[in-house]
């Protein structure tokens, strides 16, 4: 009987205009809040990750390699100012994203390649970089006053091969003769 009494009292409340208006108002308010929430982003703002792109010219890349290799030679030999020369095969290459369109006209197939461009915050357009290929090392010359010692010479050759990922035929270690 309690269920019948509860249902009857609920029906009596629903028949009252005041109660019906409150329910209707709450329903419309809830729908409005849901609709408004689609406009607002409530997720916490994280600082945008800055993409650090460092681009070097071939000459700068050569100098950086030479500086690092000088430090390696100094660590092996104890020499204060060893001489290191790095030569490069190429100047490197930048690969850009492309959009390729193929079309056929009168039995001829034509390919059109267009670089994908992006606009920065100032409105300038830049090609979308896919990757940058570093220049390849052609060879390295190390001049050291300790290169006459066969053990040190082998250590220097092995270090240059490992650091530059080149074969020993591309490494020349010379005694400065001091």
Protein backbone atom coordinates (compact mmCIF):
# COMPACT_ATOMS: atom_id res chain seq x y z
CA UNK A 1 0.00 0.00 0.00
CA UNK A 2 2.92 2.35 0.57
CA UNK A 3 3.77 2.28 -3.11
CA UNK A 4 0.20 3.26 -4.03
CA UNK A 5 0.26 6.11 -1.52
CA UNK A 6 3.60 7.31 -2.87
CA UNK A 7 2.35 7.16 -6.46
CA UNK A 8 -0.82 9.00 -5.53
CA UNK A 9 1.06 11.74 -3.71
CA UNK A 10 3.38 12.10 -6.72
CA UNK A 11 0.40 12.43 -9.05
CA UNK A 12 -1.11 15.09 -6.78
CA UNK A 13 2.19 17.05 -6.86
CA UNK A 14 2.43 16.79 -10.65
CA UNK A 15 -1.10 18.15 -10.99
CA UNK A 16 -0.13 21.33 -9.13
CA UNK A 17 0.93 24.09 -11.53
CA UNK A 18 3.65 25.47 -9.23
CA UNK A 19 5.46 22.12 -8.93
CA UNK A 20 5.16 21.50 -12.70
CA UNK A 21 6.66 24.92 -13.43
CA UNK A 22 9.62 24.26 -11.12
CA UNK A 23 10.33 20.89 -12.82
CA UNK A 24 10.00 22.47 -16.27
CA UNK A 25 12.32 25.37 -15.28
CA UNK A 26 14.96 22.97 -13.87
CA UNK A 27 14.80 20.81 -17.00
CA UNK A 28 15.23 23.76 -19.35
CA UNK A 29 18.05 25.12 -17.15
CA UNK A 30 19.87 21.76 -17.25
CA UNK A 31 19.60 21.57 -21.03
CA UNK A 32 20.89 25.16 -21.31
CA UNK A 33 23.91 24.35 -19.09
CA UNK A 34 24.74 21.29 -21.18
CA UNK A 35 24.53 23.37 -24.36
CA UNK A 36 26.71 26.16 -22.94
CA UNK A 37 29.30 23.67 -21.71
CA UNK A 38 30.05 22.70 -25.32
CA UNK A 39 31.41 26.23 -25.89
CA UNK A 40 33.69 26.31 -22.86
CA UNK A 41 36.85 24.24 -22.49
CA UNK A 42 37.11 23.12 -18.86
CA UNK A 43 40.31 21.11 -19.31
CA UNK A 44 43.34 22.54 -17.50
CA UNK A 45 45.57 24.61 -19.74
CA UNK A 46 49.02 23.18 -20.21
CA UNK A 47 51.74 25.36 -21.65
CA UNK A 48 52.25 24.60 -25.30
CA UNK A 49 55.33 22.55 -25.93
CA UNK A 50 57.83 24.67 -27.74
CA UNK A 51 59.42 22.88 -30.61
CA UNK A 52 63.06 23.63 -30.57
CA UNK A 53 64.51 23.42 -34.02
CA UNK A 54 68.17 24.03 -34.36
CA UNK A 55 69.48 24.41 -37.86
CA UNK A 56 73.16 24.65 -38.70
CA UNK A 57 75.02 25.49 -41.85
CA UNK A 58 77.52 22.90 -43.05
CA UNK A 59 80.41 25.09 -41.88
CA UNK A 60 78.88 25.42 -38.38
CA UNK A 61 78.29 21.67 -38.28
CA UNK A 62 81.95 21.07 -39.24
CA UNK A 63 83.15 23.44 -36.49
CA UNK A 64 80.95 21.77 -33.88
CA UNK A 65 82.26 18.33 -34.85
CA UNK A 66 85.84 19.56 -34.77
CA UNK A 67 85.37 21.12 -31.32
CA UNK A 68 83.87 17.94 -29.91
CA UNK A 69 86.56 15.77 -31.47
CA UNK A 70 89.31 18.06 -30.14
CA UNK A 71 87.93 17.44 -26.66
CA UNK A 72 88.00 13.68 -27.27
CA UNK A 73 91.61 13.82 -28.54
CA UNK A 74 92.64 15.96 -25.55
CA UNK A 75 91.00 13.47 -23.18
CA UNK A 76 92.92 10.55 -24.76
CA UNK A 77 96.31 12.22 -25.17
CA UNK A 78 96.33 14.88 -22.47
CA UNK A 79 97.29 17.37 -25.17
CA UNK A 80 96.21 20.97 -24.57
CA UNK A 81 95.45 22.01 -28.14
CA UNK A 82 95.25 19.11 -30.62
CA UNK A 83 94.46 19.78 -34.28
CA UNK A 84 91.37 18.15 -35.81
CA UNK A 85 90.02 18.70 -39.31
CA UNK A 86 86.67 17.30 -40.48
CA UNK A 87 85.60 17.29 -44.12
CA UNK A 88 82.02 16.77 -45.27
CA UNK A 89 80.72 15.07 -48.41
CA UNK A 90 77.62 17.25 -48.70
CA UNK A 91 76.03 20.26 -47.09
CA UNK A 92 72.99 18.34 -45.81
CA UNK A 93 69.42 18.36 -47.00
CA UNK A 94 66.00 19.46 -45.79
CA UNK A 95 63.03 17.31 -46.77
CA UNK A 96 59.68 19.10 -47.01
CA UNK A 97 56.17 17.66 -46.91
CA UNK A 98 54.64 17.46 -50.36
CA UNK A 99 51.23 16.96 -51.89
CA UNK A 100 51.33 15.15 -55.20
CA UNK A 101 48.52 15.43 -57.71
CA UNK A 102 48.22 13.12 -60.70
CA UNK A 103 46.13 14.01 -63.70
CA UNK A 104 45.58 12.56 -67.15
CA UNK A 105 45.10 14.69 -70.21
CA UNK A 106 44.79 13.31 -73.71
CA UNK A 107 46.49 10.05 -72.78
CA UNK A 108 49.37 11.79 -70.97
CA UNK A 109 49.84 11.35 -67.26
CA UNK A 110 51.03 14.46 -65.44
CA UNK A 111 52.34 14.71 -61.91
CA UNK A 112 52.24 17.98 -60.01
CA UNK A 113 54.09 18.26 -56.71
CA UNK A 114 53.27 21.08 -54.31
CA UNK A 115 54.98 21.78 -50.98
CA UNK A 116 52.63 21.96 -48.01
CA UNK A 117 52.75 25.46 -46.52
CA UNK A 118 51.98 26.58 -42.98
CA UNK A 119 51.28 30.10 -41.75
CA UNK A 120 53.01 31.30 -38.59
CA UNK A 121 51.53 33.75 -36.06
CA UNK A 122 52.72 36.73 -38.13
CA UNK A 123 51.08 35.37 -41.28
CA UNK A 124 54.30 34.36 -43.06
CA UNK A 125 54.21 31.08 -44.95
CA UNK A 126 56.80 28.34 -44.48
CA UNK A 127 57.13 24.91 -46.01
CA UNK A 128 56.36 22.06 -43.60
CA UNK A 129 59.68 20.38 -42.76
CA UNK A 130 59.54 16.59 -42.51
CA UNK A 131 63.18 16.05 -41.61
CA UNK A 132 66.63 17.55 -41.90
CA UNK A 133 69.43 15.27 -43.04
CA UNK A 134 72.80 16.16 -41.57
CA UNK A 135 75.81 16.31 -43.88
CA UNK A 136 77.83 13.10 -44.19
CA UNK A 137 81.41 13.07 -42.94
CA UNK A 138 83.92 12.42 -45.71
CA UNK A 139 86.94 12.10 -43.44
CA UNK A 140 88.83 13.34 -40.41
CA UNK A 141 92.47 14.28 -39.82
CA UNK A 142 93.95 14.34 -36.32
CA UNK A 143 97.37 15.89 -35.77
CA UNK A 144 98.76 15.07 -32.33
CA UNK A 145 102.21 15.13 -30.79
CA UNK A 146 101.40 11.72 -29.23
CA UNK A 147 100.32 9.99 -32.47
CA UNK A 148 103.74 8.33 -32.75
CA UNK A 149 102.73 5.98 -29.91
CA UNK A 150 100.90 3.04 -31.59
CA UNK A 151 98.55 2.51 -28.62
CA UNK A 152 97.44 6.16 -28.62
CA UNK A 153 97.17 6.13 -32.43
CA UNK A 154 94.81 3.13 -32.26
CA UNK A 155 92.75 4.77 -29.51
CA UNK A 156 92.42 7.94 -31.62
CA UNK A 157 91.39 5.99 -34.74
CA UNK A 158 88.83 3.96 -32.77
CA UNK A 159 87.43 7.10 -31.12
CA UNK A 160 87.05 8.90 -34.46
CA UNK A 161 85.42 5.85 -36.09
CA UNK A 162 82.95 5.54 -33.24
CA UNK A 163 82.16 9.24 -32.86
CA UNK A 164 81.59 9.84 -36.57
CA UNK A 165 80.31 6.38 -37.58
CA UNK A 166 82.88 6.10 -40.37
CA UNK A 167 85.40 3.43 -41.39
CA UNK A 168 89.04 3.56 -40.34
CA UNK A 169 90.02 4.30 -43.97
CA UNK A 170 88.45 7.74 -43.51
CA UNK A 171 90.54 8.52 -40.42
CA UNK A 172 94.06 9.91 -40.69
CA UNK A 173 96.10 10.28 -37.49
CA UNK A 174 99.44 12.06 -37.89
CA UNK A 175 102.26 12.74 -35.45
CA UNK A 176 102.97 16.48 -35.27
CA UNK A 177 106.67 15.69 -34.87
CA UNK A 178 107.23 18.06 -31.96
